[in-house]
Amino acid sequence: MTTLVEFLAPVKEGPNRDRVLATMHYYSVKDGITEMQPVEIRDRLVAARIPRARNLNVSSVLARSGHLVDRAESGYGYWFLTGSGRRYVEEELRLSLDGQRTADTSPATPTTKSLHDLVENLEDDLVREYLEEAVWCLQVRAFRAGIVFVWTGAIRTLEEQASAAHSRNDITQALQKHDPNARTIKRVSDFAHVQDSKELLAFEELGLVDKAERQTLEEALGLRNKCGHPTTYKPGEAKVAAFIEDVIGIVFS
């Protein structure tokens, strides 16, 4: 019988969601354990030598997994995979207990590997979660949602870079140059009250990006806004790939 280490190997470098769901599926099929607590899942991931598993907030991962999981009626913090969750592991992740991945018949997704690689090197848990959400969206070809999550992770990263490199007075002055009504920035969370477009102008003032990079990010923000508001616009795969390449190249390189 395939061990958990072998079963998780194809998704070892993937999003936390995939590793958690795969672990639940493994024990459901192998041992008939259909309900698990977050601490049980985490302990099994640690035993399987999954990177950073010891500090993984499994409860948060499960809560953000949507229709793929549900809370057990028995209570006590138990969760189970829904039918959609089982199909996701078997059909989207293509995992099988015989140690072989099933044939990939799904369409390719844009630059998913580049996001996978990036996620594994991120130290900020919040940004990592946003980009893990983006990877999952791209895997199921939910391109609009993926764009929104990538942008959110990127703008948060720029906010943190600004806060680490500059005083709150410098940041506030740069923002107020383009938005006189901007409030004083005392902490990263204060950026939530500033328009992203104004932030980009301030980040150029602070030297985090140059003019060309700011203009490219403004184009990316325009695409994000098209995808984040209720319109009929649907970006194509090439458009999504270009968006991700630009954002990763400017913000995370």
C-alpha atoms as a PDB file:
ATOM      1  CA  MET A   1       0.000   0.000   0.000  1.00  0.00           C
ATOM      2  CA  THR A   2       1.232   3.463  -0.865  1.00  0.00           C
ATOM      3  CA  THR A   3       2.504   5.417   2.151  1.00  0.00           C
ATOM      4  CA  LEU A   4       1.348   8.956   2.879  1.00  0.00           C
ATOM      5  CA  VAL A   5       4.823  10.244   1.979  1.00  0.00           C
ATOM      6  CA  GLU A   6       4.497   8.661  -1.470  1.00  0.00           C
ATOM      7  CA  PHE A   7       0.897   9.776  -1.898  1.00  0.00           C
ATOM      8  CA  LEU A   8       1.687  13.412  -1.114  1.00  0.00           C
ATOM      9  CA  ALA A   9       4.889  13.546  -3.161  1.00  0.00           C
ATOM     10  CA  PRO A  10       3.209  15.024  -6.300  1.00  0.00           C
ATOM     11  CA  VAL A  11       1.696  17.870  -4.237  1.00  0.00           C
ATOM     12  CA  LYS A  12       4.489  18.271  -1.685  1.00  0.00           C
ATOM     13  CA  GLU A  13       5.459  21.638  -3.178  1.00  0.00           C
ATOM     14  CA  GLY A  14       1.877  22.688  -3.877  1.00  0.00           C
ATOM     15  CA  PRO A  15      -0.676  24.794  -1.982  1.00  0.00           C
ATOM     16  CA  ASN A  16      -1.553  23.883   1.597  1.00  0.00           C
ATOM     17  CA  ARG A  17      -5.138  23.220   0.523  1.00  0.00           C
ATOM     18  CA  ASP A  18      -4.057  20.438  -1.836  1.00  0.00           C
ATOM     19  CA  ARG A  19      -1.918  18.770   0.800  1.00  0.00           C
ATOM     20  CA  VAL A  20      -4.646  18.915   3.444  1.00  0.00           C
ATOM     21  CA  LEU A  21      -7.339  17.549   1.124  1.00  0.00           C
ATOM     22  CA  ALA A  22      -5.029  14.827  -0.163  1.00  0.00           C
ATOM     23  CA  THR A  23      -4.236  13.730   3.396  1.00  0.00           C
ATOM     24  CA  MET A  24      -7.931  13.486   4.241  1.00  0.00           C
ATOM     25  CA  HIS A  25      -8.573  11.494   1.087  1.00  0.00           C
ATOM     26  CA  TYR A  26      -5.665   9.138   1.789  1.00  0.00           C
ATOM     27  CA  TYR A  27      -6.948   8.112   5.220  1.00  0.00           C
ATOM     28  CA  SER A  28     -10.534   7.926   4.007  1.00  0.00           C
ATOM     29  CA  VAL A  29      -9.620   5.384   1.329  1.00  0.00           C
ATOM     30  CA  LYS A  30      -6.851   3.525   3.143  1.00  0.00           C
ATOM     31  CA  ASP A  31      -8.261   3.258   6.676  1.00  0.00           C
ATOM     32  CA  GLY A  32     -11.897   4.294   6.333  1.00  0.00           C
ATOM     33  CA  ILE A  33     -11.314   7.428   8.437  1.00  0.00           C
ATOM     34  CA  THR A  34     -13.850   9.785   6.881  1.00  0.00           C
ATOM     35  CA  GLU A  35     -13.732  12.507   9.550  1.00  0.00           C
ATOM     36  CA  MET A  36     -10.604  14.169  10.920  1.00  0.00           C
ATOM     37  CA  GLN A  37      -9.714  17.024  13.246  1.00  0.00           C
ATOM     38  CA  PRO A  38      -7.299  19.748  12.099  1.00  0.00           C
ATOM     39  CA  VAL A  39      -4.671  18.680  14.639  1.00  0.00           C
ATOM     40  CA  GLU A  40      -4.784  15.119  13.292  1.00  0.00           C
ATOM     41  CA  ILE A  41      -4.265  16.331   9.748  1.00  0.00           C
ATOM     42  CA  ARG A  42      -1.393  18.572  10.796  1.00  0.00           C
ATOM     43  CA  ASP A  43       0.332  15.764  12.718  1.00  0.00           C
ATOM     44  CA  ARG A  44       0.136  13.488   9.690  1.00  0.00           C
ATOM     45  CA  LEU A  45       1.561  16.188   7.433  1.00  0.00           C
ATOM     46  CA  VAL A  46       4.423  16.664   9.880  1.00  0.00           C
ATOM     47  CA  ALA A  47       5.066  12.914   9.899  1.00  0.00           C
ATOM     48  CA  ALA A  48       5.092  12.976   6.091  1.00  0.00           C
ATOM     49  CA  ARG A  49       7.853  15.628   6.200  1.00  0.00           C
ATOM     50  CA  ILE A  50       5.802  18.318   4.471  1.00  0.00           C
ATOM     51  CA  PRO A  51       7.608  21.711   4.591  1.00  0.00           C
ATOM     52  CA  ARG A  52       6.386  24.069   7.334  1.00  0.00           C
ATOM     53  CA  ALA A  53       3.605  21.654   8.305  1.00  0.00           C
ATOM     54  CA  ARG A  54       4.307  22.054  12.013  1.00  0.00           C
ATOM     55  CA  ASN A  55       3.160  25.697  11.895  1.00  0.00           C
ATOM     56  CA  LEU A  56       0.312  25.163   9.433  1.00  0.00           C
ATOM     57  CA  ASN A  57      -3.083  26.529  10.487  1.00  0.00           C
ATOM     58  CA  VAL A  58      -5.136  23.613   9.182  1.00  0.00           C
ATOM     59  CA  SER A  59      -8.389  25.030  10.573  1.00  0.00           C
ATOM     60  CA  SER A  60      -7.915  28.142   8.430  1.00  0.00           C
ATOM     61  CA  VAL A  61      -7.118  26.049   5.345  1.00  0.00           C
ATOM     62  CA  LEU A  62     -10.273  23.975   5.832  1.00  0.00           C
ATOM     63  CA  ALA A  63     -12.423  27.034   6.444  1.00  0.00           C
ATOM     64  CA  ARG A  64     -11.217  28.485   3.131  1.00  0.00           C
ATOM     65  CA  SER A  65     -11.733  25.277   1.131  1.00  0.00           C
ATOM     66  CA  GLY A  66     -15.340  26.030   0.258  1.00  0.00           C
ATOM     67  CA  HIS A  67     -17.522  23.201  -0.995  1.00  0.00           C
ATOM     68  CA  LEU A  68     -14.659  20.706  -0.995  1.00  0.00           C
ATOM     69  CA  VAL A  69     -15.025  20.058   2.743  1.00  0.00           C
ATOM     70  CA  ASP A  70     -17.693  20.323   5.413  1.00  0.00           C
ATOM     71  CA  ARG A  71     -17.981  20.141   9.190  1.00  0.00           C
ATOM     72  CA  ALA A  72     -19.088  16.819  10.608  1.00  0.00           C
ATOM     73  CA  GLU A  73     -22.408  16.712  12.440  1.00  0.00           C
ATOM     74  CA  SER A  74     -20.699  14.882  15.286  1.00  0.00           C
ATOM     75  CA  GLY A  75     -19.000  18.148  16.222  1.00  0.00           C
ATOM     76  CA  TYR A  76     -15.752  18.247  18.201  1.00  0.00           C
ATOM     77  CA  GLY A  77     -14.015  20.054  15.339  1.00  0.00           C
ATOM     78  CA  TYR A  78     -14.191  17.172  12.854  1.00  0.00           C
ATOM     79  CA  TRP A  79     -14.208  17.778   9.093  1.00  0.00           C
ATOM     80  CA  PHE A  80     -14.842  15.521   6.105  1.00  0.00           C
ATOM     81  CA  LEU A  81     -14.295  15.632   2.352  1.00  0.00           C
ATOM     82  CA  THR A  82     -17.431  16.232   0.323  1.00  0.00           C
ATOM     83  CA  GLY A  83     -18.047  14.414  -2.943  1.00  0.00           C
ATOM     84  CA  SER A  84     -16.635  17.467  -4.703  1.00  0.00           C
ATOM     85  CA  GLY A  85     -13.544  17.236  -2.513  1.00  0.00           C
ATOM     86  CA  ARG A  86     -12.969  13.588  -3.377  1.00  0.00           C
ATOM     87  CA  ARG A  87     -13.375  14.331  -7.074  1.00  0.00           C
ATOM     88  CA  TYR A  88     -10.965  17.248  -6.764  1.00  0.00           C
ATOM     89  CA  VAL A  89      -8.254  15.021  -5.302  1.00  0.00           C
ATOM     90  CA  GLU A  90      -8.842  12.229  -7.811  1.00  0.00           C
ATOM     91  CA  GLU A  91      -9.534  14.241 -10.959  1.00  0.00           C
ATOM     92  CA  GLU A  92      -7.858  17.635 -10.509  1.00  0.00           C
ATOM     93  CA  LEU A  93      -4.858  16.575  -8.421  1.00  0.00           C
ATOM     94  CA  ARG A  94      -4.888  13.164 -10.162  1.00  0.00           C
ATOM     95  CA  LEU A  95      -3.773  11.272  -7.058  1.00  0.00           C
ATOM     96  CA  SER A  96      -4.157   7.517  -6.665  1.00  0.00           C
ATOM     97  CA  LEU A  97      -3.222   5.172  -3.832  1.00  0.00           C
ATOM     98  CA  ASP A  98      -1.438   2.882  -6.269  1.00  0.00           C
ATOM     99  CA  GLY A  99       1.367   5.435  -6.336  1.00  0.00           C
ATOM    100  CA  GLN A 100       0.670   6.604  -9.881  1.00  0.00           C
ATOM    101  CA  ARG A 101      -0.889   9.852 -10.988  1.00  0.00           C
ATOM    102  CA  THR A 102      -3.844   9.466 -13.293  1.00  0.00           C
ATOM    103  CA  ALA A 103      -3.594  10.801 -16.824  1.00  0.00           C
ATOM    104  CA  ASP A 104      -3.910  14.551 -17.066  1.00  0.00           C
ATOM    105  CA  THR A 105      -6.823  15.245 -19.367  1.00  0.00           C
ATOM    106  CA  SER A 106      -7.520  18.745 -18.067  1.00  0.00           C
ATOM    107  CA  PRO A 107      -6.483  21.826 -20.051  1.00  0.00           C
ATOM    108  CA  ALA A 108      -3.185  23.413 -19.113  1.00  0.00           C
ATOM    109  CA  THR A 109      -3.370  26.405 -16.820  1.00  0.00           C
ATOM    110  CA  PRO A 110      -1.224  29.514 -17.224  1.00  0.00           C
ATOM    111  CA  THR A 111       2.035  29.831 -15.281  1.00  0.00           C
ATOM    112  CA  THR A 112       0.725  27.709 -12.408  1.00  0.00           C
ATOM    113  CA  LYS A 113       4.226  26.337 -11.870  1.00  0.00           C
ATOM    114  CA  SER A 114       5.689  29.816 -11.421  1.00  0.00           C
ATOM    115  CA  LEU A 115       3.139  30.510  -8.698  1.00  0.00           C
ATOM    116  CA  HIS A 116       3.823  27.128  -7.079  1.00  0.00           C
ATOM    117  CA  ASP A 117       7.540  27.944  -6.955  1.00  0.00           C
ATOM    118  CA  LEU A 118       6.885  31.425  -5.592  1.00  0.00           C
ATOM    119  CA  VAL A 119       4.534  30.236  -2.846  1.00  0.00           C
ATOM    120  CA  GLU A 120       7.115  27.853  -1.431  1.00  0.00           C
ATOM    121  CA  ASN A 121       9.590  30.697  -0.877  1.00  0.00           C
ATOM    122  CA  LEU A 122       7.228  33.189   0.760  1.00  0.00           C
ATOM    123  CA  GLU A 123       7.668  33.893   4.454  1.00  0.00           C
ATOM    124  CA  ASP A 124       4.520  35.989   4.904  1.00  0.00           C
ATOM    125  CA  ASP A 125       1.641  33.654   5.780  1.00  0.00           C
ATOM    126  CA  LEU A 126      -1.091  36.013   4.605  1.00  0.00           C
ATOM    127  CA  VAL A 127       0.476  36.602   1.181  1.00  0.00           C
ATOM    128  CA  ARG A 128       1.148  32.874   0.840  1.00  0.00           C
ATOM    129  CA  GLU A 129      -2.532  32.128   1.499  1.00  0.00           C
ATOM    130  CA  TYR A 130      -3.644  34.589  -1.165  1.00  0.00           C
ATOM    131  CA  LEU A 131      -1.336  33.046  -3.746  1.00  0.00           C
ATOM    132  CA  GLU A 132      -2.323  29.512  -2.761  1.00  0.00           C
ATOM    133  CA  GLU A 133      -5.921  30.568  -3.413  1.00  0.00           C
ATOM    134  CA  ALA A 134      -4.793  31.887  -6.796  1.00  0.00           C
ATOM    135  CA  VAL A 135      -3.080  28.600  -7.703  1.00  0.00           C
ATOM    136  CA  TRP A 136      -6.197  26.643  -6.865  1.00  0.00           C
ATOM    137  CA  CYS A 137      -8.366  29.002  -8.927  1.00  0.00           C
ATOM    138  CA  LEU A 138      -6.070  28.683 -11.929  1.00  0.00           C
ATOM    139  CA  GLN A 139      -6.071  24.894 -11.651  1.00  0.00           C
ATOM    140  CA  VAL A 140      -9.837  24.877 -12.086  1.00  0.00           C
ATOM    141  CA  ARG A 141      -9.644  27.649 -14.693  1.00  0.00           C
ATOM    142  CA  ALA A 142     -11.376  30.223 -12.499  1.00  0.00           C
ATOM    143  CA  PHE A 143      -9.224  32.904 -14.099  1.00  0.00           C
ATOM    144  CA  ARG A 144     -11.044  35.979 -12.801  1.00  0.00           C
ATOM    145  CA  ALA A 145     -10.802  34.847  -9.197  1.00  0.00           C
ATOM    146  CA  GLY A 146      -7.158  33.890  -9.694  1.00  0.00           C
ATOM    147  CA  ILE A 147      -6.317  37.367 -10.956  1.00  0.00           C
ATOM    148  CA  VAL A 148      -7.983  38.976  -7.929  1.00  0.00           C
ATOM    149  CA  PHE A 149      -6.043  36.783  -5.483  1.00  0.00           C
ATOM    150  CA  VAL A 150      -2.704  37.355  -7.229  1.00  0.00           C
ATOM    151  CA  TRP A 151      -3.246  41.115  -7.165  1.00  0.00           C
ATOM    152  CA  THR A 152      -4.212  41.073  -3.485  1.00  0.00           C
ATOM    153  CA  GLY A 153      -1.036  39.202  -2.602  1.00  0.00           C
ATOM    154  CA  ALA A 154       1.041  41.576  -4.707  1.00  0.00           C
ATOM    155  CA  ILE A 155      -0.337  44.847  -3.311  1.00  0.00           C
ATOM    156  CA  ARG A 156      -0.001  43.499   0.226  1.00  0.00           C
ATOM    157  CA  THR A 157       3.633  42.677  -0.485  1.00  0.00           C
ATOM    158  CA  LEU A 158       4.312  46.210  -1.737  1.00  0.00           C
ATOM    159  CA  GLU A 159       2.640  47.645   1.355  1.00  0.00           C
ATOM    160  CA  GLU A 160       4.858  45.559   3.604  1.00  0.00           C
ATOM    161  CA  GLN A 161       7.973  46.508   1.635  1.00  0.00           C
ATOM    162  CA  ALA A 162       7.102  50.193   1.979  1.00  0.00           C
ATOM    163  CA  SER A 163       6.465  49.839   5.709  1.00  0.00           C
ATOM    164  CA  ALA A 164       9.764  48.029   6.229  1.00  0.00           C
ATOM    165  CA  ALA A 165      11.866  50.494   4.227  1.00  0.00           C
ATOM    166  CA  HIS A 166      10.308  53.870   5.084  1.00  0.00           C
ATOM    167  CA  SER A 167       8.969  55.775   8.056  1.00  0.00           C
ATOM    168  CA  ARG A 168       5.240  56.257   8.455  1.00  0.00           C
ATOM    169  CA  ASN A 169       5.719  59.998   7.864  1.00  0.00           C
ATOM    170  CA  ASP A 170       7.472  59.412   4.526  1.00  0.00           C
ATOM    171  CA  ILE A 171       4.777  56.970   3.442  1.00  0.00           C
ATOM    172  CA  THR A 172       1.980  59.321   4.479  1.00  0.00           C
ATOM    173  CA  GLN A 173       3.558  62.276   2.675  1.00  0.00           C
ATOM    174  CA  ALA A 174       3.992  60.231  -0.508  1.00  0.00           C
ATOM    175  CA  LEU A 175       0.336  59.164  -0.371  1.00  0.00           C
ATOM    176  CA  GLN A 176      -0.985  62.640   0.426  1.00  0.00           C
ATOM    177  CA  LYS A 177       0.878  64.066  -2.540  1.00  0.00           C
ATOM    178  CA  HIS A 178      -1.559  62.114  -4.736  1.00  0.00           C
ATOM    179  CA  ASP A 179      -4.467  61.890  -2.301  1.00  0.00           C
ATOM    180  CA  PRO A 180      -4.630  64.911   0.044  1.00  0.00           C
ATOM    181  CA  ASN A 181      -7.313  63.188   2.119  1.00  0.00           C
ATOM    182  CA  ALA A 182      -5.248  60.090   2.805  1.00  0.00           C
ATOM    183  CA  ARG A 183      -5.014  59.304   6.496  1.00  0.00           C
ATOM    184  CA  THR A 184      -1.748  58.753   8.354  1.00  0.00           C
ATOM    185  CA  ILE A 185      -0.257  55.321   7.772  1.00  0.00           C
ATOM    186  CA  LYS A 186       0.691  53.886  11.153  1.00  0.00           C
ATOM    187  CA  ARG A 187       0.576  50.205  10.265  1.00  0.00           C
ATOM    188  CA  VAL A 188       0.160  48.010   7.173  1.00  0.00           C
ATOM    189  CA  SER A 189      -3.564  47.589   7.787  1.00  0.00           C
ATOM    190  CA  ASP A 190      -4.069  51.351   7.309  1.00  0.00           C
ATOM    191  CA  PHE A 191      -3.437  50.916   3.575  1.00  0.00           C
ATOM    192  CA  ALA A 192      -6.910  49.344   3.384  1.00  0.00           C
ATOM    193  CA  HIS A 193      -8.336  52.875   3.321  1.00  0.00           C
ATOM    194  CA  VAL A 194      -6.254  53.925   0.278  1.00  0.00           C
ATOM    195  CA  GLN A 195      -7.062  53.241  -3.361  1.00  0.00           C
ATOM    196  CA  ASP A 196      -4.602  50.839  -4.983  1.00  0.00           C
ATOM    197  CA  SER A 197      -3.989  53.313  -7.801  1.00  0.00           C
ATOM    198  CA  LYS A 198      -2.894  55.982  -5.289  1.00  0.00           C
ATOM    199  CA  GLU A 199      -0.672  53.457  -3.542  1.00  0.00           C
ATOM    200  CA  LEU A 200       1.161  52.704  -6.786  1.00  0.00           C
ATOM    201  CA  LEU A 201       1.894  56.393  -7.304  1.00  0.00           C
ATOM    202  CA  ALA A 202       3.181  56.625  -3.734  1.00  0.00           C
ATOM    203  CA  PHE A 203       5.333  53.529  -4.160  1.00  0.00           C
ATOM    204  CA  GLU A 204       6.979  55.174  -7.173  1.00  0.00           C
ATOM    205  CA  GLU A 205       7.643  58.266  -5.046  1.00  0.00           C
ATOM    206  CA  LEU A 206       9.267  56.035  -2.439  1.00  0.00           C
ATOM    207  CA  GLY A 207      11.428  54.261  -5.024  1.00  0.00           C
ATOM    208  CA  LEU A 208       9.846  50.812  -4.643  1.00  0.00           C
ATOM    209  CA  VAL A 209       9.013  50.782  -8.361  1.00  0.00           C
ATOM    210  CA  ASP A 210      10.098  52.923 -11.277  1.00  0.00           C
ATOM    211  CA  LYS A 211       7.798  54.700 -13.714  1.00  0.00           C
ATOM    212  CA  ALA A 212       7.628  51.849 -16.234  1.00  0.00           C
ATOM    213  CA  GLU A 213       6.934  49.304 -13.497  1.00  0.00           C
ATOM    214  CA  ARG A 214       4.241  51.522 -12.004  1.00  0.00           C
ATOM    215  CA  GLN A 215       2.560  51.875 -15.385  1.00  0.00           C
ATOM    216  CA  THR A 216       2.678  48.100 -15.914  1.00  0.00           C
ATOM    217  CA  LEU A 217       1.156  47.528 -12.479  1.00  0.00           C
ATOM    218  CA  GLU A 218      -1.559  50.070 -13.270  1.00  0.00           C
ATOM    219  CA  GLU A 219      -2.448  48.001 -16.328  1.00  0.00           C
ATOM    220  CA  ALA A 220      -2.524  44.910 -14.121  1.00  0.00           C
ATOM    221  CA  LEU A 221      -4.767  46.744 -11.666  1.00  0.00           C
ATOM    222  CA  GLY A 222      -7.107  47.609 -14.514  1.00  0.00           C
ATOM    223  CA  LEU A 223      -7.418  43.917 -15.364  1.00  0.00           C
ATOM    224  CA  ARG A 224      -7.952  43.087 -11.702  1.00  0.00           C
ATOM    225  CA  ASN A 225     -10.778  45.622 -11.532  1.00  0.00           C
ATOM    226  CA  LYS A 226     -12.436  44.169 -14.617  1.00  0.00           C
ATOM    227  CA  CYS A 227     -12.337  40.755 -12.978  1.00  0.00           C
ATOM    228  CA  GLY A 228     -13.336  41.917  -9.506  1.00  0.00           C
ATOM    229  CA  HIS A 229     -16.541  43.694 -10.484  1.00  0.00           C
ATOM    230  CA  PRO A 230     -19.769  42.165 -11.846  1.00  0.00           C
ATOM    231  CA  THR A 231     -19.239  42.389 -15.596  1.00  0.00           C
ATOM    232  CA  THR A 232     -19.389  39.924 -18.463  1.00  0.00           C
ATOM    233  CA  TYR A 233     -15.639  40.252 -19.089  1.00  0.00           C
ATOM    234  CA  LYS A 234     -13.749  36.948 -19.132  1.00  0.00           C
ATOM    235  CA  PRO A 235      -9.950  37.049 -19.610  1.00  0.00           C
ATOM    236  CA  GLY A 236      -8.333  34.515 -21.886  1.00  0.00           C
ATOM    237  CA  GLU A 237      -5.519  32.233 -20.816  1.00  0.00           C
ATOM    238  CA  ALA A 238      -2.841  34.311 -22.562  1.00  0.00           C
ATOM    239  CA  LYS A 239      -4.085  37.455 -20.819  1.00  0.00           C
ATOM    240  CA  VAL A 240      -3.911  35.766 -17.436  1.00  0.00           C
ATOM    241  CA  ALA A 241      -0.427  34.427 -18.124  1.00  0.00           C
ATOM    242  CA  ALA A 242       0.844  37.889 -19.095  1.00  0.00           C
ATOM    243  CA  PHE A 243      -0.729  39.411 -15.976  1.00  0.00           C
ATOM    244  CA  ILE A 244       0.932  36.881 -13.682  1.00  0.00           C
ATOM    245  CA  GLU A 245       4.292  37.222 -15.422  1.00  0.00           C
ATOM    246  CA  ASP A 246       4.234  41.011 -15.035  1.00  0.00           C
ATOM    247  CA  VAL A 247       3.169  40.995 -11.381  1.00  0.00           C
ATOM    248  CA  ILE A 248       5.606  38.301 -10.310  1.00  0.00           C
ATOM    249  CA  GLY A 249       8.429  39.940 -12.247  1.00  0.00           C
ATOM    250  CA  ILE A 250       7.924  43.354 -10.660  1.00  0.00           C
ATOM    251  CA  VAL A 251       6.753  42.605  -7.130  1.00  0.00           C
ATOM    252  CA  PHE A 252       8.305  39.284  -6.186  1.00  0.00           C
ATOM    253  CA  SER A 253      11.601  39.182  -8.066  1.00  0.00           C
END
